Amino acid sequence: MQYRCMGSHFISEAKVSGRGQIAIPKAVKERLGITEGDYVVFIESDGDIVIRAGKLVWENSENEGKR
């Protein structure tokens, strides 16, 4: 799938390795303030996946440890 760069939205890309891993591009890490050992959260929103810096916090103990 190809995307067109439109407007002033920040866009970057990463290639998925054979093991299903990606490297977060330097510009994205800098923009989000991500450094080694930090966590990122993947959030589904309107059919898209949004990556945010931070750690997942469960609202109740029933879901702790589930991923």
PDB file of N, CA and C in Angstrom:
ATOM      1  N   MET A   1       0.845  -1.169   0.000  1.00  0.00           N
ATOM      2  CA  MET A   1       0.000   0.000   0.000  1.00  0.00           C
ATOM      3  C   MET A   1       0.890   1.232   0.000  1.00  0.00           C
ATOM      4  N   GLN A   2       0.549   2.209  -0.772  1.00  0.00           N
ATOM      5  CA  GLN A   2       1.309   3.449  -0.830  1.00  0.00           C
ATOM      6  C   GLN A   2       0.454   4.597  -0.306  1.00  0.00           C
ATOM      7  N   TYR A   3       1.112   5.556   0.313  1.00  0.00           N
ATOM      8  CA  TYR A   3       0.433   6.726   0.853  1.00  0.00           C
ATOM      9  C   TYR A   3       1.065   7.976   0.252  1.00  0.00           C
ATOM     10  N   ARG A   4       0.261   8.961   0.045  1.00  0.00           N
ATOM     11  CA  ARG A   4       0.732  10.260  -0.421  1.00  0.00           C
ATOM     12  C   ARG A   4       0.940  11.176   0.763  1.00  0.00           C
ATOM     13  N   CYS A   5       2.021  11.926   0.737  1.00  0.00           N
ATOM     14  CA  CYS A   5       2.278  12.935   1.764  1.00  0.00           C
ATOM     15  C   CYS A   5       1.379  14.124   1.475  1.00  0.00           C
ATOM     16  N   MET A   6       0.525  14.469   2.405  1.00  0.00           N
ATOM     17  CA  MET A   6      -0.391  15.587   2.190  1.00  0.00           C
ATOM     18  C   MET A   6      -0.348  16.520   3.389  1.00  0.00           C
ATOM     19  N   GLY A   7      -0.277  17.784   3.121  1.00  0.00           N
ATOM     20  CA  GLY A   7      -0.316  18.763   4.202  1.00  0.00           C
ATOM     21  C   GLY A   7       0.946  18.745   5.032  1.00  0.00           C
ATOM     22  N   SER A   8       0.807  19.126   6.287  1.00  0.00           N
ATOM     23  CA  SER A   8       1.975  19.248   7.160  1.00  0.00           C
ATOM     24  C   SER A   8       2.065  18.110   8.170  1.00  0.00           C
ATOM     25  N   HIS A   9       1.362  17.013   7.924  1.00  0.00           N
ATOM     26  CA  HIS A   9       1.417  15.880   8.858  1.00  0.00           C
ATOM     27  C   HIS A   9       2.802  15.259   8.858  1.00  0.00           C
ATOM     28  N   PHE A  10       3.247  14.840  10.024  1.00  0.00           N
ATOM     29  CA  PHE A  10       4.545  14.209  10.158  1.00  0.00           C
ATOM     30  C   PHE A  10       4.410  12.753   9.719  1.00  0.00           C
ATOM     31  N   ILE A  11       5.195  12.354   8.730  1.00  0.00           N
ATOM     32  CA  ILE A  11       5.096  10.999   8.203  1.00  0.00           C
ATOM     33  C   ILE A  11       6.491  10.402   8.103  1.00  0.00           C
ATOM     34  N   SER A  12       6.622   9.167   8.511  1.00  0.00           N
ATOM     35  CA  SER A  12       7.862   8.425   8.369  1.00  0.00           C
ATOM     36  C   SER A  12       7.479   6.980   8.124  1.00  0.00           C
ATOM     37  N   GLU A  13       8.439   6.155   7.763  1.00  0.00           N
ATOM     38  CA  GLU A  13       8.133   4.753   7.515  1.00  0.00           C
ATOM     39  C   GLU A  13       9.237   3.882   8.062  1.00  0.00           C
ATOM     40  N   ALA A  14       8.915   2.607   8.267  1.00  0.00           N
ATOM     41  CA  ALA A  14       9.880   1.624   8.712  1.00  0.00           C
ATOM     42  C   ALA A  14       9.558   0.315   8.011  1.00  0.00           C
ATOM     43  N   LYS A  15      10.576  -0.459   7.694  1.00  0.00           N
ATOM     44  CA  LYS A  15      10.392  -1.741   7.031  1.00  0.00           C
ATOM     45  C   LYS A  15      10.322  -2.851   8.079  1.00  0.00           C
ATOM     46  N   VAL A  16       9.387  -3.769   7.921  1.00  0.00           N
ATOM     47  CA  VAL A  16       9.210  -4.881   8.850  1.00  0.00           C
ATOM     48  C   VAL A  16      10.237  -5.965   8.514  1.00  0.00           C
ATOM     49  N   SER A  17      10.954  -6.435   9.525  1.00  0.00           N
ATOM     50  CA  SER A  17      11.963  -7.474   9.330  1.00  0.00           C
ATOM     51  C   SER A  17      11.287  -8.842   9.207  1.00  0.00           C
ATOM     52  N   GLY A  18      12.067  -9.842   8.894  1.00  0.00           N
ATOM     53  CA  GLY A  18      11.555 -11.209   8.807  1.00  0.00           C
ATOM     54  C   GLY A  18      11.000 -11.719  10.122  1.00  0.00           C
ATOM     55  N   ARG A  19      11.410 -11.121  11.218  1.00  0.00           N
ATOM     56  CA  ARG A  19      10.913 -11.507  12.546  1.00  0.00           C
ATOM     57  C   ARG A  19       9.742 -10.643  12.989  1.00  0.00           C
ATOM     58  N   GLY A  20       9.237  -9.783  12.091  1.00  0.00           N
ATOM     59  CA  GLY A  20       8.091  -8.935  12.414  1.00  0.00           C
ATOM     60  C   GLY A  20       8.446  -7.705  13.227  1.00  0.00           C
ATOM     61  N   GLN A  21       9.716  -7.329  13.250  1.00  0.00           N
ATOM     62  CA  GLN A  21      10.154  -6.185  14.033  1.00  0.00           C
ATOM     63  C   GLN A  21      10.333  -4.958  13.139  1.00  0.00           C
ATOM     64  N   ILE A  22      10.215  -3.798  13.767  1.00  0.00           N
ATOM     65  CA  ILE A  22      10.527  -2.542  13.077  1.00  0.00           C
ATOM     66  C   ILE A  22      11.452  -1.731  13.969  1.00  0.00           C
ATOM     67  N   ALA A  23      12.244  -0.886  13.338  1.00  0.00           N
ATOM     68  CA  ALA A  23      13.048   0.085  14.082  1.00  0.00           C
ATOM     69  C   ALA A  23      12.299   1.408  14.010  1.00  0.00           C
ATOM     70  N   ILE A  24      12.141   2.060  15.144  1.00  0.00           N
ATOM     71  CA  ILE A  24      11.466   3.361  15.147  1.00  0.00           C
ATOM     72  C   ILE A  24      12.422   4.371  14.530  1.00  0.00           C
ATOM     73  N   PRO A  25      11.995   5.056  13.472  1.00  0.00           N
ATOM     74  CA  PRO A  25      12.879   6.022  12.826  1.00  0.00           C
ATOM     75  C   PRO A  25      13.371   7.097  13.810  1.00  0.00           C
ATOM     76  N   LYS A  26      14.610   7.538  13.614  1.00  0.00           N
ATOM     77  CA  LYS A  26      15.235   8.522  14.493  1.00  0.00           C
ATOM     78  C   LYS A  26      14.366   9.766  14.658  1.00  0.00           C
ATOM     79  N   ALA A  27      13.810  10.264  13.557  1.00  0.00           N
ATOM     80  CA  ALA A  27      12.986  11.479  13.630  1.00  0.00           C
ATOM     81  C   ALA A  27      11.765  11.267  14.519  1.00  0.00           C
ATOM     82  N   VAL A  28      11.183  10.063  14.491  1.00  0.00           N
ATOM     83  CA  VAL A  28      10.017   9.765  15.333  1.00  0.00           C
ATOM     84  C   VAL A  28      10.446   9.684  16.793  1.00  0.00           C
ATOM     85  N   LYS A  29      11.560   8.992  17.064  1.00  0.00           N
ATOM     86  CA  LYS A  29      12.053   8.908  18.447  1.00  0.00           C
ATOM     87  C   LYS A  29      12.331  10.294  19.015  1.00  0.00           C
ATOM     88  N   GLU A  30      12.952  11.142  18.215  1.00  0.00           N
ATOM     89  CA  GLU A  30      13.246  12.500  18.681  1.00  0.00           C
ATOM     90  C   GLU A  30      11.973  13.284  18.937  1.00  0.00           C
ATOM     91  N   ARG A  31      11.034  13.175  18.033  1.00  0.00           N
ATOM     92  CA  ARG A  31       9.772  13.919  18.175  1.00  0.00           C
ATOM     93  C   ARG A  31       8.974  13.486  19.401  1.00  0.00           C
ATOM     94  N   LEU A  32       8.995  12.162  19.694  1.00  0.00           N
ATOM     95  CA  LEU A  32       8.250  11.639  20.838  1.00  0.00           C
ATOM     96  C   LEU A  32       9.088  11.591  22.116  1.00  0.00           C
ATOM     97  N   GLY A  33      10.370  11.895  22.014  1.00  0.00           N
ATOM     98  CA  GLY A  33      11.239  11.856  23.190  1.00  0.00           C
ATOM     99  C   GLY A  33      11.515  10.445  23.676  1.00  0.00           C
ATOM    100  N   ILE A  34      11.545   9.484  22.765  1.00  0.00           N
ATOM    101  CA  ILE A  34      11.749   8.075  23.118  1.00  0.00           C
ATOM    102  C   ILE A  34      13.244   7.779  23.169  1.00  0.00           C
ATOM    103  N   THR A  35      13.676   7.150  24.272  1.00  0.00           N
ATOM    104  CA  THR A  35      15.062   6.725  24.409  1.00  0.00           C
ATOM    105  C   THR A  35      15.093   5.243  24.787  1.00  0.00           C
ATOM    106  N   GLU A  36      16.280   4.654  24.771  1.00  0.00           N
ATOM    107  CA  GLU A  36      16.429   3.234  25.077  1.00  0.00           C
ATOM    108  C   GLU A  36      15.785   2.889  26.416  1.00  0.00           C
ATOM    109  N   GLY A  37      15.024   1.812  26.433  1.00  0.00           N
ATOM    110  CA  GLY A  37      14.358   1.361  27.658  1.00  0.00           C
ATOM    111  C   GLY A  37      12.957   1.916  27.838  1.00  0.00           C
ATOM    112  N   ASP A  38      12.576   2.917  27.056  1.00  0.00           N
ATOM    113  CA  ASP A  38      11.229   3.480  27.137  1.00  0.00           C
ATOM    114  C   ASP A  38      10.217   2.515  26.528  1.00  0.00           C
ATOM    115  N   TYR A  39       8.973   2.684  26.873  1.00  0.00           N
ATOM    116  CA  TYR A  39       7.876   1.908  26.305  1.00  0.00           C
ATOM    117  C   TYR A  39       7.122   2.749  25.286  1.00  0.00           C
ATOM    118  N   VAL A  40       6.504   2.070  24.327  1.00  0.00           N
ATOM    119  CA  VAL A  40       5.562   2.710  23.419  1.00  0.00           C
ATOM    120  C   VAL A  40       4.264   1.918  23.472  1.00  0.00           C
ATOM    121  N   VAL A  41       3.177   2.582  23.196  1.00  0.00           N
ATOM    122  CA  VAL A  41       1.848   1.976  23.214  1.00  0.00           C
ATOM    123  C   VAL A  41       1.279   2.061  21.808  1.00  0.00           C
ATOM    124  N   PHE A  42       0.662   0.969  21.343  1.00  0.00           N
ATOM    125  CA  PHE A  42       0.008   0.936  20.039  1.00  0.00           C
ATOM    126  C   PHE A  42      -1.493   1.015  20.282  1.00  0.00           C
ATOM    127  N   ILE A  43      -2.130   2.045  19.721  1.00  0.00           N
ATOM    128  CA  ILE A  43      -3.551   2.301  19.962  1.00  0.00           C
ATOM    129  C   ILE A  43      -4.291   2.234  18.635  1.00  0.00           C
ATOM    130  N   GLU A  44      -5.363   1.419  18.586  1.00  0.00           N
ATOM    131  CA  GLU A  44      -6.186   1.370  17.377  1.00  0.00           C
ATOM    132  C   GLU A  44      -7.202   2.488  17.442  1.00  0.00           C
ATOM    133  N   SER A  45      -7.283   3.272  16.368  1.00  0.00           N
ATOM    134  CA  SER A  45      -8.196   4.403  16.308  1.00  0.00           C
ATOM    135  C   SER A  45      -8.735   4.551  14.893  1.00  0.00           C
ATOM    136  N   ASP A  46     -10.010   4.322  14.714  1.00  0.00           N
ATOM    137  CA  ASP A  46     -10.667   4.472  13.408  1.00  0.00           C
ATOM    138  C   ASP A  46      -9.960   3.689  12.302  1.00  0.00           C
ATOM    139  N   GLY A  47      -9.556   2.462  12.607  1.00  0.00           N
ATOM    140  CA  GLY A  47      -8.925   1.605  11.613  1.00  0.00           C
ATOM    141  C   GLY A  47      -7.445   1.854  11.415  1.00  0.00           C
ATOM    142  N   ASP A  48      -6.877   2.800  12.148  1.00  0.00           N
ATOM    143  CA  ASP A  48      -5.447   3.086  12.081  1.00  0.00           C
ATOM    144  C   ASP A  48      -4.794   2.687  13.396  1.00  0.00           C
ATOM    145  N   ILE A  49      -3.475   2.520  13.358  1.00  0.00           N
ATOM    146  CA  ILE A  49      -2.716   2.272  14.578  1.00  0.00           C
ATOM    147  C   ILE A  49      -1.891   3.520  14.866  1.00  0.00           C
ATOM    148  N   VAL A  50      -2.029   4.026  16.085  1.00  0.00           N
ATOM    149  CA  VAL A  50      -1.301   5.209  16.534  1.00  0.00           C
ATOM    150  C   VAL A  50      -0.258   4.737  17.537  1.00  0.00           C
ATOM    151  N   ILE A  51       0.976   5.223  17.397  1.00  0.00           N
ATOM    152  CA  ILE A  51       2.036   4.881  18.341  1.00  0.00           C
ATOM    153  C   ILE A  51       2.263   6.084  19.246  1.00  0.00           C
ATOM    154  N   ARG A  52       2.220   5.824  20.551  1.00  0.00           N
ATOM    155  CA  ARG A  52       2.441   6.884  21.534  1.00  0.00           C
ATOM    156  C   ARG A  52       3.541   6.457  22.490  1.00  0.00           C
ATOM    157  N   ALA A  53       4.311   7.412  22.948  1.00  0.00           N
ATOM    158  CA  ALA A  53       5.295   7.138  23.980  1.00  0.00           C
ATOM    159  C   ALA A  53       4.542   6.942  25.284  1.00  0.00           C
ATOM    160  N   GLY A  54       4.919   5.956  26.072  1.00  0.00           N
ATOM    161  CA  GLY A  54       4.273   5.735  27.358  1.00  0.00           C
ATOM    162  C   GLY A  54       4.122   4.260  27.649  1.00  0.00           C
ATOM    163  N   LYS A  55       3.575   3.963  28.785  1.00  0.00           N
ATOM    164  CA  LYS A  55       3.381   2.591  29.230  1.00  0.00           C
ATOM    165  C   LYS A  55       1.900   2.371  29.500  1.00  0.00           C
ATOM    166  N   LEU A  56       1.423   1.196  29.142  1.00  0.00           N
ATOM    167  CA  LEU A  56       0.022   0.848  29.321  1.00  0.00           C
ATOM    168  C   LEU A  56      -0.309   0.702  30.806  1.00  0.00           C
ATOM    169  N   VAL A  57      -1.372   1.356  31.233  1.00  0.00           N
ATOM    170  CA  VAL A  57      -1.836   1.259  32.615  1.00  0.00           C
ATOM    171  C   VAL A  57      -3.267   0.744  32.578  1.00  0.00           C
ATOM    172  N   TRP A  58      -3.505  -0.397  33.224  1.00  0.00           N
ATOM    173  CA  TRP A  58      -4.848  -0.991  33.232  1.00  0.00           C
ATOM    174  C   TRP A  58      -5.729  -0.285  34.250  1.00  0.00           C
ATOM    175  N   GLU A  59      -6.991  -0.143  33.914  1.00  0.00           N
ATOM    176  CA  GLU A  59      -7.959   0.527  34.796  1.00  0.00           C
ATOM    177  C   GLU A  59      -8.353  -0.325  35.986  1.00  0.00           C
ATOM    178  N   ASN A  60      -8.259  -1.663  35.850  1.00  0.00           N
ATOM    179  CA  ASN A  60      -8.568  -2.526  36.981  1.00  0.00           C
ATOM    180  C   ASN A  60      -7.583  -3.685  37.023  1.00  0.00           C
ATOM    181  N   SER A  61      -7.401  -4.269  38.188  1.00  0.00           N
ATOM    182  CA  SER A  61      -6.388  -5.317  38.372  1.00  0.00           C
ATOM    183  C   SER A  61      -6.727  -6.598  37.620  1.00  0.00           C
ATOM    184  N   GLU A  62      -7.994  -6.788  37.205  1.00  0.00           N
ATOM    185  CA  GLU A  62      -8.423  -7.984  36.500  1.00  0.00           C
ATOM    186  C   GLU A  62      -7.656  -8.164  35.183  1.00  0.00           C
ATOM    187  N   ASN A  63      -7.279  -7.053  34.533  1.00  0.00           N
ATOM    188  CA  ASN A  63      -6.609  -7.104  33.240  1.00  0.00           C
ATOM    189  C   ASN A  63      -5.092  -6.989  33.319  1.00  0.00           C
ATOM    190  N   GLU A  64      -4.517  -6.840  34.514  1.00  0.00           N
ATOM    191  CA  GLU A  64      -3.075  -6.651  34.630  1.00  0.00           C
ATOM    192  C   GLU A  64      -2.337  -7.843  34.052  1.00  0.00           C
ATOM    193  N   GLY A  65      -1.296  -7.547  33.307  1.00  0.00           N
ATOM    194  CA  GLY A  65      -0.468  -8.592  32.731  1.00  0.00           C
ATOM    195  C   GLY A  65      -0.972  -9.139  31.402  1.00  0.00           C
ATOM    196  N   LYS A  66      -2.180  -8.778  30.970  1.00  0.00           N
ATOM    197  CA  LYS A  66      -2.725  -9.258  29.704  1.00  0.00           C
ATOM    198  C   LYS A  66      -2.264  -8.352  28.587  1.00  0.00           C
ATOM    199  N   ARG A  67      -1.932  -8.938  27.441  1.00  0.00           N
ATOM    200  CA  ARG A  67      -1.523  -8.150  26.275  1.00  0.00           C
ATOM    201  C   ARG A  67      -2.156  -8.709  25.057  1.00  0.00           C
TER     202      ARG A  67
END
